[in-house]
């Protein structure tokens, strides 16, 4: 056993590169062993053992001299990469280094990580810098030292330029978080994932309990220090993100898959799986099976669902499972194509406008630009086919591919392709990470893609697309007021008052009430030609993708929805160069007060009430309407009017 572990650790160290045993990795293992009062090698072995024995995330081959492992990016590595997004220094240096590795003195760029003088550079985007500072400050090694001491210690491991967030660093950070070895937790899933939380390990009793655990006796481990479920209750999570450091052991130590044959399946990602058949492939739509036509001595069979939300049971229950096999098919090719196939699903949450973009069109844009960036020569094969979806995006889909779309659900004859890719790549919530694409692109590029598609359609419809018709000359800025209708939650109960107040302040207001059949070409024309858009947090705000850079997005944030509002619309708005404002609903403006009372936990402390449980979030998303305080709203909208007017005047 010891020999196997020693060999496997060495193998991971050599294969993982930046994601393996760098300075930070050594620091983490050392700190873990210090906190638990045990030998570092023993602690490391316990973690590997936990992963292997209880959760089957690692396959032990005792007859061989090593443990076969596949490596993937650790979650903290992904956080570092994400920090380069919209960071001016990273944006300037990384493209140069991609062309010439010697282009920037003292900098190197490898495996998605930028280093300065050999030390990892952390960008400005997101809150990673602040998290690093808080972690270094509150760590056992840090001893709650002062600002200068904390920064000095931190610079041993990371290159962090001082900015307002670091130079104004407080002696007592608000959100202290210990390093954790954890998986991201999706609270729409009941999968239990092993977590070793270091703050918990500070307890001497737990450290003592660990000493008595025999190697790989996880049952005993759980009895003595508590199961994952017990630990989880003691710590606060926020939906699919663990706020403390994430070292995703499952992704690093996933079972080895035989990638030597024609079929490859990458299951290392948290959000999606991506499978492919490299070589001639036959599709039998009647059995949803893709069969490799390449001769092989081995037999392999894979099951997959091509929808980028793999941990969400509710979504995945609406996605058909597809089969990829190396077993020769019994049927001949009825239709032979000369272009490869990209297979997607319009099941899951498709039908919700937000998810149609976040789970569908944006991942499709990422996947096309990852694997078909030059000529976009592929055939889109759609499972869980929905006629209305094809009609709705009829003006957009031809800009992804010139080939006719294949409805996999209605086909009865076989199709053959030179190769097949099954699934979509997703970078997360309304994010396109340029560092993960062969030719860097961002959400702004996706917006230009939408703009080109819908402007082209307007041209095709013989509509004059001169600038003055998109942006009609006016002395008053135009405001699109997005309205939610029916028993859907988050409805503005005094919409007429809101509209009248905006008009009194100087806006030309258009109430926009989109539905499944609303023409996106007409929606684009309305919103792209406006100076501002206002609406309550919800799917219809996804139309903000049609706004022009410099225009104004105003999001009304109901009680309990701040995190979702920031993640889904607030941060992406910044990427698109929009002016962004929030009108935060106070408790007295929420209908929740009438139902639960002003002093109830639901109203007073939403975070404590939902506790990361998505079913509890429905109280805020489904059962809440808002009645805006018009005195307060009018004061707020005066500032919005000034911003919109300045944007209008710049146009003229």
Foldseek 3Di string as FASTA:
>chain_A
DVQQVVQALVVLQVPVVVQHDDPVNVVVLVLLCVLLVHDSVVVVLQVVLVCCQPPNQFDDDVVDRYGDFDFDHWPVLLQQLLQLVVFVVSVVPVVQCVVPQPRDPQWGADPSFIDGVNATEGHHPDCVVVQQLLALCPGPVNVLDDLVSSVVVSVVHYDYDDDVPSVVPDSHDDDHAYAKAWAFDALLFPDQTDIDGSVLSNDNQLSVQVVPDDRSPVVSNCVRSHGSVVVLVVDFAAHRDRSHHYGHVSLGGGYDDPPPAQKDWRPSDPFAIKIKGQFKWKAQLVQLEIEHPDDDPDKDKDKGFAWRHVRNPQQCVFTDIHMYIPPDDPDDAPAEDEAEEEEHECGGPNQQLLCCVQTNVVLLVQQCQAPVVPQLGYEYEYENDDPLVCVQCVLQVCLNDVDDHHDSNPDRGMYMYGMYMGHTDHPDALWDRQSNGPHGDTSLVVLVSVVVSLVVVCVVVVHDPPLCQLAPDDLAFEEEEEADDDQFAAGAPPVVLVVVLLVVLGYHYDYDYDHSNDHVSVLLSVQCNGQEYEYEDGSVLVSCSSHAAQGEYEYEYEPLCVVVCCRNPVVVCVVRNHHYYYRYAALVFKPVCVVANCPDCVRPPVSVQCSNNVVSCCCRRRVMYGHDPSVVVSVVVNVNRVSSSVSSVVVD
